[in-house]
Amino acid sequence: MINGRYYDWESVTITGPSGEVIGITDINYSDEKGAEPRYGKGGVPYGYGNKNYKASGNMTLSLDEAERLRLSLIGSFYNGTFNIVVNYDVPGKGLVTDVLRDCKITKVDTSAAQDDDNAGARKIDFNIFSPIEWNGTAAV
């Protein structure tokens, strides 16, 4: 389709432990599983060894949305783990769903400034302790 609608921020729905997340301005997540070359005789690798799987992410929530999250975690950002479901849905394009299981908050950062229309927004960093499910397929 030429000049059709594609996935955009408006097509993203995010669900967390306190339900659908409305006061969110961004979410980022990634994973990696390194592989290191193995060397022996000569200067060319003869194989490789796998490294550990790692996944992490971050998101920016409005102050009121961050408070909903904090309260759902029994009063502290650092209590327990939770799941995040990210849906990308455009009619005619199909639903793409990524699932971030066992997220654990590691850092909360905030700021407020004069003329700030989103004062107190929280940038939340988290580790993901289970493989990300990229549209139904686990990363590892």
C-alpha atoms as a PDB file:
ATOM      1  CA  MET A   1       0.000   0.000   0.000  1.00  0.00           C
ATOM      2  CA  ILE A   2       1.364   3.404  -0.946  1.00  0.00           C
ATOM      3  CA  ASN A   3       0.742   6.288   1.452  1.00  0.00           C
ATOM      4  CA  GLY A   4      -0.951   3.944   3.943  1.00  0.00           C
ATOM      5  CA  ARG A   5      -0.747   4.086   7.711  1.00  0.00           C
ATOM      6  CA  TYR A   6       2.159   2.374   9.403  1.00  0.00           C
ATOM      7  CA  TYR A   7       3.004   1.645  13.046  1.00  0.00           C
ATOM      8  CA  ASP A   8       3.395   4.845  15.032  1.00  0.00           C
ATOM      9  CA  TRP A   9       3.225   5.954  18.665  1.00  0.00           C
ATOM     10  CA  GLU A  10      -0.557   6.200  18.360  1.00  0.00           C
ATOM     11  CA  SER A  11      -0.693   2.477  17.480  1.00  0.00           C
ATOM     12  CA  VAL A  12       1.145   1.443  20.675  1.00  0.00           C
ATOM     13  CA  THR A  13      -0.727   0.156  23.735  1.00  0.00           C
ATOM     14  CA  ILE A  14       1.280  -0.672  26.851  1.00  0.00           C
ATOM     15  CA  THR A  15      -0.052  -2.702  29.763  1.00  0.00           C
ATOM     16  CA  GLY A  16       1.709  -2.987  33.115  1.00  0.00           C
ATOM     17  CA  PRO A  17       0.868  -4.255  36.588  1.00  0.00           C
ATOM     18  CA  SER A  18      -1.636  -1.440  37.182  1.00  0.00           C
ATOM     19  CA  GLY A  19      -3.433  -1.867  33.826  1.00  0.00           C
ATOM     20  CA  GLU A  20      -3.170   0.117  30.607  1.00  0.00           C
ATOM     21  CA  VAL A  21      -0.427   2.735  30.842  1.00  0.00           C
ATOM     22  CA  ILE A  22      -1.689   6.103  29.612  1.00  0.00           C
ATOM     23  CA  GLY A  23       0.861   8.559  31.059  1.00  0.00           C
ATOM     24  CA  ILE A  24       3.876   7.237  29.160  1.00  0.00           C
ATOM     25  CA  THR A  25       5.992   9.211  26.712  1.00  0.00           C
ATOM     26  CA  ASP A  26       8.490   6.530  25.684  1.00  0.00           C
ATOM     27  CA  ILE A  27       9.538   2.932  26.230  1.00  0.00           C
ATOM     28  CA  ASN A  28      12.780   1.304  25.119  1.00  0.00           C
ATOM     29  CA  TYR A  29      13.831  -2.320  25.503  1.00  0.00           C
ATOM     30  CA  SER A  30      16.549  -4.515  24.098  1.00  0.00           C
ATOM     31  CA  ASP A  31      18.268  -7.819  24.568  1.00  0.00           C
ATOM     32  CA  GLU A  32      21.584  -9.351  23.640  1.00  0.00           C
ATOM     33  CA  LYS A  33      23.381 -12.654  23.632  1.00  0.00           C
ATOM     34  CA  GLY A  34      27.013 -12.235  22.807  1.00  0.00           C
ATOM     35  CA  ALA A  35      29.292 -14.697  21.099  1.00  0.00           C
ATOM     36  CA  GLU A  36      33.060 -14.507  21.483  1.00  0.00           C
ATOM     37  CA  PRO A  37      35.504 -15.941  18.980  1.00  0.00           C
ATOM     38  CA  ARG A  38      37.791 -18.757  20.136  1.00  0.00           C
ATOM     39  CA  TYR A  39      41.367 -18.634  18.957  1.00  0.00           C
ATOM     40  CA  GLY A  40      44.036 -21.270  18.844  1.00  0.00           C
ATOM     41  CA  LYS A  41      46.874 -21.751  16.431  1.00  0.00           C
ATOM     42  CA  GLY A  42      46.989 -18.958  13.877  1.00  0.00           C
ATOM     43  CA  GLY A  43      45.136 -15.651  13.806  1.00  0.00           C
ATOM     44  CA  VAL A  44      41.723 -16.870  12.661  1.00  0.00           C
ATOM     45  CA  PRO A  45      38.969 -18.028  15.049  1.00  0.00           C
ATOM     46  CA  TYR A  46      38.289 -21.741  14.954  1.00  0.00           C
ATOM     47  CA  GLY A  47      34.895 -21.352  16.649  1.00  0.00           C
ATOM     48  CA  TYR A  48      33.020 -19.336  19.224  1.00  0.00           C
ATOM     49  CA  GLY A  49      31.647 -19.461  22.763  1.00  0.00           C
ATOM     50  CA  ASN A  50      28.260 -18.066  23.811  1.00  0.00           C
ATOM     51  CA  LYS A  51      27.927 -15.350  26.432  1.00  0.00           C
ATOM     52  CA  ASN A  52      24.983 -14.890  28.799  1.00  0.00           C
ATOM     53  CA  TYR A  53      21.627 -13.519  27.658  1.00  0.00           C
ATOM     54  CA  LYS A  54      20.804 -10.010  28.957  1.00  0.00           C
ATOM     55  CA  ALA A  55      17.717  -7.826  28.535  1.00  0.00           C
ATOM     56  CA  SER A  56      16.876  -4.380  29.873  1.00  0.00           C
ATOM     57  CA  GLY A  57      14.746  -1.356  29.187  1.00  0.00           C
ATOM     58  CA  ASN A  58      13.538   2.018  30.321  1.00  0.00           C
ATOM     59  CA  MET A  59      10.421   4.128  30.109  1.00  0.00           C
ATOM     60  CA  THR A  60       9.317   7.629  30.999  1.00  0.00           C
ATOM     61  CA  LEU A  61       6.100   7.956  32.982  1.00  0.00           C
ATOM     62  CA  SER A  62       4.180  11.011  34.127  1.00  0.00           C
ATOM     63  CA  LEU A  63       4.251  11.529  37.881  1.00  0.00           C
ATOM     64  CA  ASP A  64       0.700  10.237  38.360  1.00  0.00           C
ATOM     65  CA  GLU A  65       1.340   7.154  36.193  1.00  0.00           C
ATOM     66  CA  ALA A  66       4.577   6.460  38.075  1.00  0.00           C
ATOM     67  CA  GLU A  67       2.656   6.652  41.343  1.00  0.00           C
ATOM     68  CA  ARG A  68       0.147   4.070  40.036  1.00  0.00           C
ATOM     69  CA  LEU A  69       3.070   1.773  39.243  1.00  0.00           C
ATOM     70  CA  ARG A  70       4.734   2.354  42.624  1.00  0.00           C
ATOM     71  CA  LEU A  71       1.528   1.604  44.514  1.00  0.00           C
ATOM     72  CA  SER A  72       0.967  -1.580  42.489  1.00  0.00           C
ATOM     73  CA  LEU A  73       4.423  -2.701  43.672  1.00  0.00           C
ATOM     74  CA  ILE A  74       3.374  -2.478  47.336  1.00  0.00           C
ATOM     75  CA  GLY A  75       4.630   1.069  47.839  1.00  0.00           C
ATOM     76  CA  SER A  76       8.193   0.900  46.491  1.00  0.00           C
ATOM     77  CA  PHE A  77       9.544   0.916  42.942  1.00  0.00           C
ATOM     78  CA  TYR A  78      12.074  -1.683  44.065  1.00  0.00           C
ATOM     79  CA  ASN A  79       9.592  -4.315  45.328  1.00  0.00           C
ATOM     80  CA  GLY A  80       9.117  -7.431  43.239  1.00  0.00           C
ATOM     81  CA  THR A  81       8.959  -7.978  39.514  1.00  0.00           C
ATOM     82  CA  PHE A  82       6.215  -7.311  36.990  1.00  0.00           C
ATOM     83  CA  ASN A  83       5.331  -7.858  33.339  1.00  0.00           C
ATOM     84  CA  ILE A  84       4.940  -5.306  30.556  1.00  0.00           C
ATOM     85  CA  VAL A  85       3.017  -6.059  27.362  1.00  0.00           C
ATOM     86  CA  VAL A  86       3.619  -3.800  24.359  1.00  0.00           C
ATOM     87  CA  ASN A  87       1.094  -4.046  21.502  1.00  0.00           C
ATOM     88  CA  TYR A  88       1.614  -2.413  18.119  1.00  0.00           C
ATOM     89  CA  ASP A  89      -1.706  -2.451  16.258  1.00  0.00           C
ATOM     90  CA  VAL A  90      -2.662  -0.827  12.974  1.00  0.00           C
ATOM     91  CA  PRO A  91      -5.839  -2.031  11.230  1.00  0.00           C
ATOM     92  CA  GLY A  92      -4.866  -3.962   8.137  1.00  0.00           C
ATOM     93  CA  LYS A  93      -1.250  -4.352   9.262  1.00  0.00           C
ATOM     94  CA  GLY A  94      -1.701  -6.896  12.026  1.00  0.00           C
ATOM     95  CA  LEU A  95      -1.033  -6.969  15.730  1.00  0.00           C
ATOM     96  CA  VAL A  96       2.570  -7.244  16.934  1.00  0.00           C
ATOM     97  CA  THR A  97       2.938  -8.069  20.647  1.00  0.00           C
ATOM     98  CA  ASP A  98       6.164  -7.999  22.657  1.00  0.00           C
ATOM     99  CA  VAL A  99       6.101  -9.339  26.223  1.00  0.00           C
ATOM    100  CA  LEU A 100       8.659  -8.269  28.824  1.00  0.00           C
ATOM    101  CA  ARG A 101       8.436 -10.740  31.716  1.00  0.00           C
ATOM    102  CA  ASP A 102       9.931 -10.386  35.180  1.00  0.00           C
ATOM    103  CA  CYS A 103      10.929  -6.719  34.952  1.00  0.00           C
ATOM    104  CA  LYS A 104      12.795  -5.378  37.983  1.00  0.00           C
ATOM    105  CA  ILE A 105      13.279  -1.637  38.448  1.00  0.00           C
ATOM    106  CA  THR A 106      16.918  -0.660  38.974  1.00  0.00           C
ATOM    107  CA  LYS A 107      16.832   3.143  38.799  1.00  0.00           C
ATOM    108  CA  VAL A 108      14.324   5.988  39.014  1.00  0.00           C
ATOM    109  CA  ASP A 109      15.292   9.448  37.811  1.00  0.00           C
ATOM    110  CA  THR A 110      13.206  12.617  37.892  1.00  0.00           C
ATOM    111  CA  SER A 111      13.398  16.326  37.210  1.00  0.00           C
ATOM    112  CA  ALA A 112      11.260  19.431  37.251  1.00  0.00           C
ATOM    113  CA  ALA A 113      11.974  22.815  35.758  1.00  0.00           C
ATOM    114  CA  GLN A 114      10.335  26.189  35.309  1.00  0.00           C
ATOM    115  CA  ASP A 115       7.705  26.061  32.504  1.00  0.00           C
ATOM    116  CA  ASP A 116       7.768  22.246  32.574  1.00  0.00           C
ATOM    117  CA  ASP A 117       4.449  20.812  31.360  1.00  0.00           C
ATOM    118  CA  ASN A 118       5.303  17.331  32.721  1.00  0.00           C
ATOM    119  CA  ALA A 119       6.980  18.185  36.024  1.00  0.00           C
ATOM    120  CA  GLY A 120       8.119  15.246  38.089  1.00  0.00           C
ATOM    121  CA  ALA A 121       8.068  12.748  35.212  1.00  0.00           C
ATOM    122  CA  ARG A 122       9.979   9.611  36.157  1.00  0.00           C
ATOM    123  CA  LYS A 123      12.502   7.900  33.922  1.00  0.00           C
ATOM    124  CA  ILE A 124      12.529   4.283  35.070  1.00  0.00           C
ATOM    125  CA  ASP A 125      15.302   1.825  34.167  1.00  0.00           C
ATOM    126  CA  PHE A 126      14.639  -1.893  34.527  1.00  0.00           C
ATOM    127  CA  ASN A 127      16.249  -5.270  33.935  1.00  0.00           C
ATOM    128  CA  ILE A 128      14.244  -8.037  32.300  1.00  0.00           C
ATOM    129  CA  PHE A 129      14.951 -11.414  33.901  1.00  0.00           C
ATOM    130  CA  SER A 130      13.152 -13.657  31.372  1.00  0.00           C
ATOM    131  CA  PRO A 131      13.726 -13.739  27.618  1.00  0.00           C
ATOM    132  CA  ILE A 132      11.779 -11.090  25.738  1.00  0.00           C
ATOM    133  CA  GLU A 133       8.964 -12.580  23.672  1.00  0.00           C
ATOM    134  CA  TRP A 134       9.319 -10.817  20.328  1.00  0.00           C
ATOM    135  CA  ASN A 135       5.836 -11.136  18.794  1.00  0.00           C
ATOM    136  CA  GLY A 136       5.239 -14.559  20.316  1.00  0.00           C
ATOM    137  CA  THR A 137       8.746 -15.999  19.995  1.00  0.00           C
ATOM    138  CA  ALA A 138      11.058 -16.106  23.006  1.00  0.00           C
ATOM    139  CA  ALA A 139      14.485 -14.610  22.322  1.00  0.00           C
ATOM    140  CA  VAL A 140      16.300 -17.704  23.590  1.00  0.00           C
END
